[in-house]
C-alpha cells in the first residue's frame, strides 16, 4: 500500500475516534440535567406537616414515637394541619385520638382531644370499655415507671386465713393481663425535661377494662392488695401466638397478612381475665404453706353456702337403748334407769 494512503487512513481513524468520544460526552452531559430535573420535580415543595407514623385507632394516647414531621406539597397544606416550627410537640403528648388516623395521614386540630377538655376520658375509652381507678404506691406501681398508654398486668396478693390452729396461706395471683393505663393521679400527660420523661410517684391509676373486669377489680380490692406488673411492648406477637394455640382467637382460612395483623391488633387491645397464674408461700419458701388451711366449721358453712332442704337423718337417743324389731323395721328404744 502507498505510504500516503496509509497515513490518510490512520488520520481518518483518529478523527473518527475523537468524534465518537465527543458525541458520547455531549449525550452524557445532556442526560444528567434531565434526570436531576425529574428527581427535583418529584420532591414536594412546601412546609413540613405532622403525620402519623403508624395507624392510630380511636382512643389512642399520643406518644412521642407516634408522630413525625414530613414534607408536604404547599398547595395541599390545610389551615388545620400542625406545621413544623409552629407546633409544640410537648403539648400533643398525652392527647387522645378522636377519629381513626391511617399511617402517613396528616393530623388535624380537631382529631385530638387534650387533657382537661370535656369528654377527654370518654374519648380515650374504646367502645364498650369502662374506666376504673385503683390505689397504688411506689411499691405496687413499679416505682412510678408506669405512664399513660402503657399496658400492665394486675397481681392480687392476699392471705387465706384458717381456723387459727395453723399457718395462713400467702398467695399472689395474676388476675388480669394486658390492661391499658389511661391516667396516673388524674393526669394523662408525661412530663419531660431536656427530652427525658420525668418519673413521679403517684397514688392512683386509672385503667381501661370491660364491665365484667370492672366488677372483678372491685372485688379484688376487698380481698387483698393489687400491684401493677409492667408489660413489654414486644409481648404482642408472643401473646397472639399463644392465643391462637389455645383457640381464643381464630384466623379464617386464607387470611392475608394484613388481615392477620388486624386480628392481632384487635386481640392485643383487649384486657385478658382468663387462665390466671398464681404462686403460694410454699413456692417461695419451704417454711410456708402450699395448700389451703383448714377452716373452722362456721367458715366451712359460709363457703358451702346455705343448707339445702332434704330428708333429715334420725337422731340417736341419749343413754342406753334397746334395739326393737317389729317385722322389717328396727328402732332404738331408750331404757329408763
C-alpha atoms as a PDB file:
ATOM      1  CA  UNK A   1       0.000   0.000   0.000  1.00  0.00           C
ATOM      2  CA  UNK A   2       1.180   3.526  -0.760  1.00  0.00           C
ATOM      3  CA  UNK A   3       2.625   5.328   2.240  1.00  0.00           C
ATOM      4  CA  UNK A   4       0.466   8.411   1.704  1.00  0.00           C
ATOM      5  CA  UNK A   5      -2.689   6.341   1.592  1.00  0.00           C
ATOM      6  CA  UNK A   6      -1.701   4.633   4.850  1.00  0.00           C
ATOM      7  CA  UNK A   7      -1.197   7.979   6.594  1.00  0.00           C
ATOM      8  CA  UNK A   8      -4.599   9.195   5.375  1.00  0.00           C
ATOM      9  CA  UNK A   9      -6.266   6.032   6.693  1.00  0.00           C
ATOM     10  CA  UNK A  10      -4.665   6.408  10.154  1.00  0.00           C
ATOM     11  CA  UNK A  11      -5.664  10.074  10.263  1.00  0.00           C
ATOM     12  CA  UNK A  12      -9.250   9.191   9.380  1.00  0.00           C
ATOM     13  CA  UNK A  13      -9.403   6.622  12.174  1.00  0.00           C
ATOM     14  CA  UNK A  14      -8.091   9.152  14.688  1.00  0.00           C
ATOM     15  CA  UNK A  15     -10.674  11.741  13.619  1.00  0.00           C
ATOM     16  CA  UNK A  16     -13.489   9.172  13.817  1.00  0.00           C
ATOM     17  CA  UNK A  17     -12.448   8.100  17.314  1.00  0.00           C
ATOM     18  CA  UNK A  18     -12.308  11.716  18.514  1.00  0.00           C
ATOM     19  CA  UNK A  19     -15.702  12.443  17.029  1.00  0.00           C
ATOM     20  CA  UNK A  20     -17.225   9.419  18.778  1.00  0.00           C
ATOM     21  CA  UNK A  21     -15.790  10.418  22.145  1.00  0.00           C
ATOM     22  CA  UNK A  22     -17.029  13.991  21.776  1.00  0.00           C
ATOM     23  CA  UNK A  23     -20.522  12.802  20.880  1.00  0.00           C
ATOM     24  CA  UNK A  24     -20.580  10.442  23.879  1.00  0.00           C
ATOM     25  CA  UNK A  25     -19.586  13.257  26.244  1.00  0.00           C
ATOM     26  CA  UNK A  26     -22.229  15.501  24.718  1.00  0.00           C
ATOM     27  CA  UNK A  27     -25.052  12.986  25.179  1.00  0.00           C
ATOM     28  CA  UNK A  28     -23.993  12.101  28.752  1.00  0.00           C
ATOM     29  CA  UNK A  29     -23.861  15.751  29.762  1.00  0.00           C
ATOM     30  CA  UNK A  30     -27.337  16.462  28.415  1.00  0.00           C
ATOM     31  CA  UNK A  31     -28.909  13.405  30.070  1.00  0.00           C
ATOM     32  CA  UNK A  32     -27.708  14.239  33.599  1.00  0.00           C
ATOM     33  CA  UNK A  33     -29.602  17.539  33.926  1.00  0.00           C
ATOM     34  CA  UNK A  34     -32.811  15.864  32.706  1.00  0.00           C
ATOM     35  CA  UNK A  35     -32.533  13.158  35.403  1.00  0.00           C
ATOM     36  CA  UNK A  36     -31.868  15.767  38.044  1.00  0.00           C
ATOM     37  CA  UNK A  37     -34.864  17.744  36.865  1.00  0.00           C
ATOM     38  CA  UNK A  38     -37.094  14.667  37.185  1.00  0.00           C
ATOM     39  CA  UNK A  39     -35.910  13.995  40.739  1.00  0.00           C
ATOM     40  CA  UNK A  40     -36.374  17.613  41.632  1.00  0.00           C
ATOM     41  CA  UNK A  41     -39.956  17.686  40.366  1.00  0.00           C
ATOM     42  CA  UNK A  42     -40.828  14.521  42.363  1.00  0.00           C
ATOM     43  CA  UNK A  43     -39.853  16.093  45.659  1.00  0.00           C
ATOM     44  CA  UNK A  44     -42.739  18.082  47.218  1.00  0.00           C
ATOM     45  CA  UNK A  45     -42.075  21.737  47.720  1.00  0.00           C
ATOM     46  CA  UNK A  46     -43.719  23.048  50.852  1.00  0.00           C
ATOM     47  CA  UNK A  47     -43.656  23.131  54.655  1.00  0.00           C
ATOM     48  CA  UNK A  48     -43.408  20.072  56.884  1.00  0.00           C
ATOM     49  CA  UNK A  49     -46.654  18.863  58.412  1.00  0.00           C
ATOM     50  CA  UNK A  50     -47.268  16.466  61.304  1.00  0.00           C
ATOM     51  CA  UNK A  51     -48.267  12.973  60.132  1.00  0.00           C
ATOM     52  CA  UNK A  52     -48.982   9.655  61.859  1.00  0.00           C
ATOM     53  CA  UNK A  53     -46.091   7.206  61.969  1.00  0.00           C
ATOM     54  CA  UNK A  54     -48.490   4.266  62.252  1.00  0.00           C
ATOM     55  CA  UNK A  55     -52.206   3.569  62.304  1.00  0.00           C
ATOM     56  CA  UNK A  56     -53.880   5.372  65.212  1.00  0.00           C
ATOM     57  CA  UNK A  57     -57.297   3.956  66.172  1.00  0.00           C
ATOM     58  CA  UNK A  58     -59.852   5.933  68.157  1.00  0.00           C
ATOM     59  CA  UNK A  59     -58.770   6.325  71.781  1.00  0.00           C
ATOM     60  CA  UNK A  60     -55.020   6.054  71.119  1.00  0.00           C
ATOM     61  CA  UNK A  61     -52.963   8.072  73.587  1.00  0.00           C
ATOM     62  CA  UNK A  62     -50.350  10.035  71.633  1.00  0.00           C
ATOM     63  CA  UNK A  63     -46.705   9.274  72.440  1.00  0.00           C
ATOM     64  CA  UNK A  64     -43.519  10.799  71.041  1.00  0.00           C
ATOM     65  CA  UNK A  65     -42.944   7.928  68.581  1.00  0.00           C
ATOM     66  CA  UNK A  66     -46.459   8.086  67.117  1.00  0.00           C
ATOM     67  CA  UNK A  67     -45.934  11.315  65.134  1.00  0.00           C
ATOM     68  CA  UNK A  68     -43.287  12.959  62.944  1.00  0.00           C
ATOM     69  CA  UNK A  69     -42.972  15.920  60.569  1.00  0.00           C
ATOM     70  CA  UNK A  70     -42.880  15.255  56.824  1.00  0.00           C
ATOM     71  CA  UNK A  71     -42.520  17.411  53.703  1.00  0.00           C
ATOM     72  CA  UNK A  72     -45.864  18.162  52.123  1.00  0.00           C
ATOM     73  CA  UNK A  73     -46.847  19.889  48.838  1.00  0.00           C
ATOM     74  CA  UNK A  74     -47.555  23.523  49.512  1.00  0.00           C
ATOM     75  CA  UNK A  75     -50.822  23.557  47.567  1.00  0.00           C
ATOM     76  CA  UNK A  76     -52.176  20.665  49.695  1.00  0.00           C
ATOM     77  CA  UNK A  77     -51.433  22.181  53.100  1.00  0.00           C
ATOM     78  CA  UNK A  78     -54.574  22.995  55.071  1.00  0.00           C
ATOM     79  CA  UNK A  79     -55.037  25.526  57.843  1.00  0.00           C
ATOM     80  CA  UNK A  80     -55.933  22.744  60.318  1.00  0.00           C
ATOM     81  CA  UNK A  81     -52.589  20.951  59.879  1.00  0.00           C
ATOM     82  CA  UNK A  82     -49.829  21.063  62.507  1.00  0.00           C
ATOM     83  CA  UNK A  83     -46.813  22.747  60.868  1.00  0.00           C
ATOM     84  CA  UNK A  84     -43.153  22.364  61.785  1.00  0.00           C
ATOM     85  CA  UNK A  85     -41.893  25.412  63.655  1.00  0.00           C
ATOM     86  CA  UNK A  86     -45.405  26.383  64.721  1.00  0.00           C
ATOM     87  CA  UNK A  87     -46.296  23.312  66.811  1.00  0.00           C
ATOM     88  CA  UNK A  88     -45.250  22.495  70.373  1.00  0.00           C
ATOM     89  CA  UNK A  89     -44.896  18.707  70.424  1.00  0.00           C
ATOM     90  CA  UNK A  90     -44.873  18.630  74.244  1.00  0.00           C
ATOM     91  CA  UNK A  91     -48.477  19.840  74.228  1.00  0.00           C
ATOM     92  CA  UNK A  92     -49.550  17.000  71.935  1.00  0.00           C
ATOM     93  CA  UNK A  93     -48.033  14.211  74.040  1.00  0.00           C
ATOM     94  CA  UNK A  94     -50.822  12.659  76.103  1.00  0.00           C
ATOM     95  CA  UNK A  95     -53.658  13.819  73.864  1.00  0.00           C
ATOM     96  CA  UNK A  96     -56.172  11.253  72.610  1.00  0.00           C
ATOM     97  CA  UNK A  97     -57.162  10.438  69.039  1.00  0.00           C
ATOM     98  CA  UNK A  98     -60.819  11.259  68.399  1.00  0.00           C
ATOM     99  CA  UNK A  99     -61.083   9.887  64.829  1.00  0.00           C
ATOM    100  CA  UNK A 100     -59.248   6.971  63.158  1.00  0.00           C
ATOM    101  CA  UNK A 101     -55.980   8.080  61.510  1.00  0.00           C
ATOM    102  CA  UNK A 102     -54.102   5.973  58.964  1.00  0.00           C
ATOM    103  CA  UNK A 103     -50.302   5.765  58.717  1.00  0.00           C
ATOM    104  CA  UNK A 104     -48.871   8.754  56.822  1.00  0.00           C
ATOM    105  CA  UNK A 105     -52.041  10.826  57.180  1.00  0.00           C
ATOM    106  CA  UNK A 106     -51.623  14.439  58.373  1.00  0.00           C
ATOM    107  CA  UNK A 107     -53.135  15.238  61.769  1.00  0.00           C
ATOM    108  CA  UNK A 108     -55.698  18.000  62.076  1.00  0.00           C
ATOM    109  CA  UNK A 109     -56.592  20.230  65.010  1.00  0.00           C
ATOM    110  CA  UNK A 110     -59.938  18.506  65.577  1.00  0.00           C
ATOM    111  CA  UNK A 111     -58.529  14.964  65.525  1.00  0.00           C
ATOM    112  CA  UNK A 112     -57.044  15.200  69.029  1.00  0.00           C
ATOM    113  CA  UNK A 113     -58.643  15.731  72.435  1.00  0.00           C
ATOM    114  CA  UNK A 114     -56.475  17.454  75.034  1.00  0.00           C
ATOM    115  CA  UNK A 115     -56.394  16.574  78.745  1.00  0.00           C
ATOM    116  CA  UNK A 116     -58.845  18.725  80.620  1.00  0.00           C
ATOM    117  CA  UNK A 117     -61.183  19.053  77.657  1.00  0.00           C
ATOM    118  CA  UNK A 118     -64.750  17.928  78.131  1.00  0.00           C
ATOM    119  CA  UNK A 119     -65.187  14.276  77.245  1.00  0.00           C
ATOM    120  CA  UNK A 120     -61.436  13.565  77.234  1.00  0.00           C
ATOM    121  CA  UNK A 121     -61.611  10.338  79.255  1.00  0.00           C
ATOM    122  CA  UNK A 122     -64.680   9.147  77.346  1.00  0.00           C
ATOM    123  CA  UNK A 123     -62.761   9.658  74.097  1.00  0.00           C
ATOM    124  CA  UNK A 124     -59.829   7.678  75.451  1.00  0.00           C
ATOM    125  CA  UNK A 125     -62.057   4.674  76.190  1.00  0.00           C
ATOM    126  CA  UNK A 126     -62.635   2.106  73.489  1.00  0.00           C
ATOM    127  CA  UNK A 127     -66.168   1.074  72.502  1.00  0.00           C
ATOM    128  CA  UNK A 128     -67.845  -0.882  75.308  1.00  0.00           C
ATOM    129  CA  UNK A 129     -64.989  -0.251  77.753  1.00  0.00           C
ATOM    130  CA  UNK A 130     -65.055   1.238  81.252  1.00  0.00           C
ATOM    131  CA  UNK A 131     -62.596   3.202  83.410  1.00  0.00           C
ATOM    132  CA  UNK A 132     -61.741   2.072  86.954  1.00  0.00           C
ATOM    133  CA  UNK A 133     -59.307   3.595  89.441  1.00  0.00           C
ATOM    134  CA  UNK A 134     -57.240   1.660  91.978  1.00  0.00           C
ATOM    135  CA  UNK A 135     -54.943   2.921  94.768  1.00  0.00           C
ATOM    136  CA  UNK A 136     -51.222   2.231  94.359  1.00  0.00           C
ATOM    137  CA  UNK A 137     -47.902   3.290  95.811  1.00  0.00           C
ATOM    138  CA  UNK A 138     -44.259   3.218  94.750  1.00  0.00           C
ATOM    139  CA  UNK A 139     -44.012  -0.446  95.742  1.00  0.00           C
ATOM    140  CA  UNK A 140     -47.104  -1.617  93.877  1.00  0.00           C
ATOM    141  CA  UNK A 141     -46.704   0.648  90.812  1.00  0.00           C
ATOM    142  CA  UNK A 142     -43.231  -0.317  89.521  1.00  0.00           C
ATOM    143  CA  UNK A 143     -41.612   2.610  91.310  1.00  0.00           C
ATOM    144  CA  UNK A 144     -43.509   5.137  89.206  1.00  0.00           C
ATOM    145  CA  UNK A 145     -42.275   3.790  85.862  1.00  0.00           C
ATOM    146  CA  UNK A 146     -45.831   3.393  84.582  1.00  0.00           C
ATOM    147  CA  UNK A 147     -47.209   6.008  82.196  1.00  0.00           C
ATOM    148  CA  UNK A 148     -50.497   6.579  80.351  1.00  0.00           C
ATOM    149  CA  UNK A 149     -50.644   4.297  77.331  1.00  0.00           C
ATOM    150  CA  UNK A 150     -48.601   1.502  78.947  1.00  0.00           C
ATOM    151  CA  UNK A 151     -50.065  -1.964  79.405  1.00  0.00           C
ATOM    152  CA  UNK A 152     -49.857  -3.779  82.721  1.00  0.00           C
ATOM    153  CA  UNK A 153     -50.870  -6.990  84.474  1.00  0.00           C
ATOM    154  CA  UNK A 154     -52.744  -6.884  87.794  1.00  0.00           C
ATOM    155  CA  UNK A 155     -51.449  -9.083  90.613  1.00  0.00           C
ATOM    156  CA  UNK A 156     -53.597  -9.780  93.698  1.00  0.00           C
ATOM    157  CA  UNK A 157     -51.726 -10.580  96.932  1.00  0.00           C
ATOM    158  CA  UNK A 158     -53.760 -11.990  99.818  1.00  0.00           C
ATOM    159  CA  UNK A 159     -53.645 -14.174 102.920  1.00  0.00           C
ATOM    160  CA  UNK A 160     -56.160 -17.000 103.264  1.00  0.00           C
ATOM    161  CA  UNK A 161     -56.885 -17.488 106.969  1.00  0.00           C
ATOM    162  CA  UNK A 162     -57.752 -20.833 108.552  1.00  0.00           C
ATOM    163  CA  UNK A 163     -59.118 -21.759 111.980  1.00  0.00           C
ATOM    164  CA  UNK A 164     -56.184 -20.226 113.825  1.00  0.00           C
ATOM    165  CA  UNK A 165     -54.568 -23.601 114.541  1.00  0.00           C
ATOM    166  CA  UNK A 166     -52.075 -23.408 111.690  1.00  0.00           C
ATOM    167  CA  UNK A 167     -50.281 -21.013 109.416  1.00  0.00           C
ATOM    168  CA  UNK A 168     -52.247 -18.814 106.993  1.00  0.00           C
ATOM    169  CA  UNK A 169     -51.758 -19.308 103.259  1.00  0.00           C
ATOM    170  CA  UNK A 170     -49.926 -16.464 101.494  1.00  0.00           C
ATOM    171  CA  UNK A 171     -50.714 -16.309  97.778  1.00  0.00           C
ATOM    172  CA  UNK A 172     -50.201 -13.997  94.800  1.00  0.00           C
ATOM    173  CA  UNK A 173     -52.311 -14.382  91.653  1.00  0.00           C
ATOM    174  CA  UNK A 174     -52.216 -12.622  88.284  1.00  0.00           C
ATOM    175  CA  UNK A 175     -55.914 -11.914  87.847  1.00  0.00           C
ATOM    176  CA  UNK A 176     -55.748  -9.607  84.792  1.00  0.00           C
ATOM    177  CA  UNK A 177     -53.363  -9.207  81.878  1.00  0.00           C
ATOM    178  CA  UNK A 178     -52.778  -6.643  79.122  1.00  0.00           C
ATOM    179  CA  UNK A 179     -54.713  -3.806  80.795  1.00  0.00           C
ATOM    180  CA  UNK A 180     -54.176  -0.321  79.351  1.00  0.00           C
ATOM    181  CA  UNK A 181     -53.280   2.565  81.678  1.00  0.00           C
ATOM    182  CA  UNK A 182     -55.400   5.642  80.999  1.00  0.00           C
ATOM    183  CA  UNK A 183     -54.107   8.033  83.656  1.00  0.00           C
ATOM    184  CA  UNK A 184     -51.964   8.306  86.766  1.00  0.00           C
ATOM    185  CA  UNK A 185     -53.208  10.593  89.552  1.00  0.00           C
ATOM    186  CA  UNK A 186     -55.827  12.077  87.183  1.00  0.00           C
ATOM    187  CA  UNK A 187     -53.079  13.037  84.728  1.00  0.00           C
ATOM    188  CA  UNK A 188     -52.702  11.709  81.207  1.00  0.00           C
ATOM    189  CA  UNK A 189     -49.579  13.725  80.364  1.00  0.00           C
ATOM    190  CA  UNK A 190     -45.952  12.631  80.557  1.00  0.00           C
ATOM    191  CA  UNK A 191     -43.782  15.465  81.860  1.00  0.00           C
ATOM    192  CA  UNK A 192     -40.439  15.816  80.073  1.00  0.00           C
ATOM    193  CA  UNK A 193     -37.270  17.757  80.887  1.00  0.00           C
ATOM    194  CA  UNK A 194     -34.390  18.050  78.403  1.00  0.00           C
ATOM    195  CA  UNK A 195     -36.083  15.438  76.242  1.00  0.00           C
ATOM    196  CA  UNK A 196     -36.308  12.876  79.070  1.00  0.00           C
ATOM    197  CA  UNK A 197     -39.501  11.663  80.731  1.00  0.00           C
ATOM    198  CA  UNK A 198     -39.750  12.675  84.392  1.00  0.00           C
ATOM    199  CA  UNK A 199     -40.703   9.865  86.789  1.00  0.00           C
ATOM    200  CA  UNK A 200     -43.133  10.832  89.561  1.00  0.00           C
ATOM    201  CA  UNK A 201     -44.675   8.798  92.364  1.00  0.00           C
ATOM    202  CA  UNK A 202     -48.465   8.582  92.179  1.00  0.00           C
ATOM    203  CA  UNK A 203     -51.249   7.272  94.392  1.00  0.00           C
ATOM    204  CA  UNK A 204     -53.930   6.193  91.905  1.00  0.00           C
ATOM    205  CA  UNK A 205     -54.023   4.586  88.468  1.00  0.00           C
ATOM    206  CA  UNK A 206     -56.983   4.639  86.095  1.00  0.00           C
ATOM    207  CA  UNK A 207     -57.333   1.526  83.915  1.00  0.00           C
ATOM    208  CA  UNK A 208     -59.384   0.625  80.848  1.00  0.00           C
ATOM    209  CA  UNK A 209     -61.405  -2.561  81.392  1.00  0.00           C
ATOM    210  CA  UNK A 210     -64.583  -4.330  80.322  1.00  0.00           C
ATOM    211  CA  UNK A 211     -67.719  -4.133  82.513  1.00  0.00           C
ATOM    212  CA  UNK A 212     -67.120  -7.699  83.730  1.00  0.00           C
ATOM    213  CA  UNK A 213     -63.500  -6.961  84.623  1.00  0.00           C
ATOM    214  CA  UNK A 214     -64.576  -3.769  86.437  1.00  0.00           C
ATOM    215  CA  UNK A 215     -66.587  -5.982  88.798  1.00  0.00           C
ATOM    216  CA  UNK A 216     -63.598  -8.270  89.342  1.00  0.00           C
ATOM    217  CA  UNK A 217     -61.356  -5.304  90.170  1.00  0.00           C
ATOM    218  CA  UNK A 218     -63.885  -4.032  92.735  1.00  0.00           C
ATOM    219  CA  UNK A 219     -63.957  -7.437  94.480  1.00  0.00           C
ATOM    220  CA  UNK A 220     -60.180  -7.880  94.249  1.00  0.00           C
ATOM    221  CA  UNK A 221     -59.604  -4.640  96.163  1.00  0.00           C
ATOM    222  CA  UNK A 222     -61.590  -6.092  99.072  1.00  0.00           C
ATOM    223  CA  UNK A 223     -59.687  -9.388  99.040  1.00  0.00           C
ATOM    224  CA  UNK A 224     -56.146  -8.037  99.255  1.00  0.00           C
ATOM    225  CA  UNK A 225     -53.592  -5.718  97.705  1.00  0.00           C
ATOM    226  CA  UNK A 226     -53.367  -5.034  93.963  1.00  0.00           C
ATOM    227  CA  UNK A 227     -49.988  -4.495  92.296  1.00  0.00           C
ATOM    228  CA  UNK A 228     -49.066  -3.488  88.747  1.00  0.00           C
ATOM    229  CA  UNK A 229     -46.694  -5.531  86.609  1.00  0.00           C
ATOM    230  CA  UNK A 230     -45.438  -3.573  83.579  1.00  0.00           C
ATOM    231  CA  UNK A 231     -45.602  -5.420  80.244  1.00  0.00           C
ATOM    232  CA  UNK A 232     -43.051  -5.202  77.433  1.00  0.00           C
ATOM    233  CA  UNK A 233     -44.097  -3.623  74.135  1.00  0.00           C
ATOM    234  CA  UNK A 234     -42.737  -6.761  72.433  1.00  0.00           C
ATOM    235  CA  UNK A 235     -45.244  -9.092  74.134  1.00  0.00           C
ATOM    236  CA  UNK A 236     -47.881  -8.711  71.419  1.00  0.00           C
ATOM    237  CA  UNK A 237     -46.548 -11.295  68.957  1.00  0.00           C
ATOM    238  CA  UNK A 238     -45.876 -13.998  71.555  1.00  0.00           C
ATOM    239  CA  UNK A 239     -49.207 -13.467  73.307  1.00  0.00           C
ATOM    240  CA  UNK A 240     -51.076 -13.602  69.991  1.00  0.00           C
ATOM    241  CA  UNK A 241     -49.430 -16.892  69.023  1.00  0.00           C
ATOM    242  CA  UNK A 242     -50.381 -18.319  72.421  1.00  0.00           C
ATOM    243  CA  UNK A 243     -53.975 -17.183  71.957  1.00  0.00           C
ATOM    244  CA  UNK A 244     -54.027 -18.878  68.555  1.00  0.00           C
ATOM    245  CA  UNK A 245     -52.704 -22.108  70.055  1.00  0.00           C
ATOM    246  CA  UNK A 246     -55.289 -22.010  72.863  1.00  0.00           C
ATOM    247  CA  UNK A 247     -58.118 -21.333  70.420  1.00  0.00           C
ATOM    248  CA  UNK A 248     -59.008 -17.965  71.957  1.00  0.00           C
ATOM    249  CA  UNK A 249     -58.549 -16.308  68.541  1.00  0.00           C
ATOM    250  CA  UNK A 250     -59.365 -17.953  65.231  1.00  0.00           C
ATOM    251  CA  UNK A 251     -57.839 -16.784  61.953  1.00  0.00           C
ATOM    252  CA  UNK A 252     -60.012 -17.536  58.877  1.00  0.00           C
ATOM    253  CA  UNK A 253     -58.537 -19.847  56.264  1.00  0.00           C
ATOM    254  CA  UNK A 254     -56.753 -17.962  53.518  1.00  0.00           C
ATOM    255  CA  UNK A 255     -56.453 -14.759  55.561  1.00  0.00           C
ATOM    256  CA  UNK A 256     -53.937 -12.286  54.175  1.00  0.00           C
ATOM    257  CA  UNK A 257     -51.027 -10.956  56.264  1.00  0.00           C
ATOM    258  CA  UNK A 258     -52.882  -7.634  56.504  1.00  0.00           C
ATOM    259  CA  UNK A 259     -55.983  -9.364  57.914  1.00  0.00           C
ATOM    260  CA  UNK A 260     -53.883 -11.353  60.391  1.00  0.00           C
ATOM    261  CA  UNK A 261     -52.199  -8.140  61.520  1.00  0.00           C
ATOM    262  CA  UNK A 262     -55.608  -6.507  62.046  1.00  0.00           C
ATOM    263  CA  UNK A 263     -56.765  -9.503  64.091  1.00  0.00           C
ATOM    264  CA  UNK A 264     -53.616  -9.332  66.225  1.00  0.00           C
ATOM    265  CA  UNK A 265     -54.016  -5.601  66.897  1.00  0.00           C
ATOM    266  CA  UNK A 266     -57.655  -6.084  67.871  1.00  0.00           C
ATOM    267  CA  UNK A 267     -56.896  -9.055  70.150  1.00  0.00           C
ATOM    268  CA  UNK A 268     -53.972  -7.326  71.849  1.00  0.00           C
ATOM    269  CA  UNK A 269     -56.013  -4.184  72.517  1.00  0.00           C
ATOM    270  CA  UNK A 270     -58.316  -6.096  74.862  1.00  0.00           C
ATOM    271  CA  UNK A 271     -57.642  -6.875  78.549  1.00  0.00           C
ATOM    272  CA  UNK A 272     -57.495 -10.586  79.415  1.00  0.00           C
ATOM    273  CA  UNK A 273     -59.036 -12.125  82.533  1.00  0.00           C
ATOM    274  CA  UNK A 274     -58.779 -15.855  81.836  1.00  0.00           C
ATOM    275  CA  UNK A 275     -56.222 -18.514  82.743  1.00  0.00           C
ATOM    276  CA  UNK A 276     -54.638 -16.659  85.635  1.00  0.00           C
ATOM    277  CA  UNK A 277     -51.420 -17.898  87.205  1.00  0.00           C
ATOM    278  CA  UNK A 278     -50.634 -17.984  90.923  1.00  0.00           C
ATOM    279  CA  UNK A 279     -47.834 -18.574  93.421  1.00  0.00           C
ATOM    280  CA  UNK A 280     -48.214 -19.642  97.061  1.00  0.00           C
ATOM    281  CA  UNK A 281     -45.898 -19.167 100.021  1.00  0.00           C
ATOM    282  CA  UNK A 282     -44.753 -22.776  99.659  1.00  0.00           C
ATOM    283  CA  UNK A 283     -43.443 -21.997  96.163  1.00  0.00           C
ATOM    284  CA  UNK A 284     -41.175 -19.330  97.645  1.00  0.00           C
ATOM    285  CA  UNK A 285     -40.088 -20.806 100.977  1.00  0.00           C
ATOM    286  CA  UNK A 286     -40.150 -24.348 102.372  1.00  0.00           C
ATOM    287  CA  UNK A 287     -41.329 -22.899 105.691  1.00  0.00           C
ATOM    288  CA  UNK A 288     -44.579 -21.575 104.188  1.00  0.00           C
ATOM    289  CA  UNK A 289     -47.839 -23.294 103.316  1.00  0.00           C
ATOM    290  CA  UNK A 290     -48.570 -24.515  99.807  1.00  0.00           C
ATOM    291  CA  UNK A 291     -52.173 -25.695 100.374  1.00  0.00           C
ATOM    292  CA  UNK A 292     -55.394 -24.256 101.745  1.00  0.00           C
ATOM    293  CA  UNK A 293     -55.533 -24.083 105.580  1.00  0.00           C
ATOM    294  CA  UNK A 294     -58.301 -25.944 107.380  1.00  0.00           C
ATOM    295  CA  UNK A 295     -61.219 -23.668 108.083  1.00  0.00           C
ATOM    296  CA  UNK A 296     -63.422 -23.562 111.133  1.00  0.00           C
ATOM    297  CA  UNK A 297     -66.903 -25.193 110.815  1.00  0.00           C
ATOM    298  CA  UNK A 298     -68.591 -21.802 110.646  1.00  0.00           C
ATOM    299  CA  UNK A 299     -66.263 -20.771 107.781  1.00  0.00           C
ATOM    300  CA  UNK A 300     -66.926 -24.059 106.001  1.00  0.00           C
ATOM    301  CA  UNK A 301     -70.661 -23.386 106.168  1.00  0.00           C
ATOM    302  CA  UNK A 302     -70.107 -19.932 104.728  1.00  0.00           C
ATOM    303  CA  UNK A 303     -68.060 -21.381 101.867  1.00  0.00           C
ATOM    304  CA  UNK A 304     -70.526 -24.199 101.227  1.00  0.00           C
ATOM    305  CA  UNK A 305     -73.444 -21.806 101.186  1.00  0.00           C
ATOM    306  CA  UNK A 306     -76.923 -22.136 102.748  1.00  0.00           C
ATOM    307  CA  UNK A 307     -78.221 -25.570 103.624  1.00  0.00           C
ATOM    308  CA  UNK A 308     -80.435 -27.294 101.081  1.00  0.00           C
ATOM    309  CA  UNK A 309     -83.774 -28.692 102.277  1.00  0.00           C
ATOM    310  CA  UNK A 310     -83.963 -32.508 102.238  1.00  0.00           C
ATOM    311  CA  UNK A 311     -84.622 -35.596 104.337  1.00  0.00           C
ATOM    312  CA  UNK A 312     -83.376 -35.256 107.895  1.00  0.00           C
ATOM    313  CA  UNK A 313     -81.449 -38.194 109.370  1.00  0.00           C
ATOM    314  CA  UNK A 314     -82.998 -39.569 112.612  1.00  0.00           C
ATOM    315  CA  UNK A 315     -81.258 -38.591 115.829  1.00  0.00           C
ATOM    316  CA  UNK A 316     -79.938 -41.279 118.163  1.00  0.00           C
ATOM    317  CA  UNK A 317     -81.455 -41.153 121.680  1.00  0.00           C
ATOM    318  CA  UNK A 318     -79.116 -40.252 124.511  1.00  0.00           C
ATOM    319  CA  UNK A 319     -78.312 -43.001 127.060  1.00  0.00           C
ATOM    320  CA  UNK A 320     -78.679 -46.781 126.794  1.00  0.00           C
ATOM    321  CA  UNK A 321     -81.020 -48.147 124.130  1.00  0.00           C
ATOM    322  CA  UNK A 322     -82.571 -51.465 123.138  1.00  0.00           C
ATOM    323  CA  UNK A 323     -82.942 -52.473 119.502  1.00  0.00           C
ATOM    324  CA  UNK A 324     -86.577 -53.492 118.947  1.00  0.00           C
ATOM    325  CA  UNK A 325     -87.538 -55.215 115.715  1.00  0.00           C
ATOM    326  CA  UNK A 326     -91.152 -55.204 114.554  1.00  0.00           C
ATOM    327  CA  UNK A 327     -91.471 -57.049 111.281  1.00  0.00           C
ATOM    328  CA  UNK A 328     -88.920 -55.439 108.948  1.00  0.00           C
ATOM    329  CA  UNK A 329     -88.480 -52.228 110.989  1.00  0.00           C
ATOM    330  CA  UNK A 330     -85.880 -51.851 113.727  1.00  0.00           C
ATOM    331  CA  UNK A 331     -85.951 -48.942 116.160  1.00  0.00           C
ATOM    332  CA  UNK A 332     -83.850 -47.840 119.127  1.00  0.00           C
ATOM    333  CA  UNK A 333     -85.888 -47.549 122.309  1.00  0.00           C
ATOM    334  CA  UNK A 334     -84.366 -45.757 125.300  1.00  0.00           C
ATOM    335  CA  UNK A 335     -84.094 -47.673 128.504  1.00  0.00           C
ATOM    336  CA  UNK A 336     -85.125 -45.812 131.617  1.00  0.00           C
ATOM    337  CA  UNK A 337     -82.947 -46.138 134.658  1.00  0.00           C
END
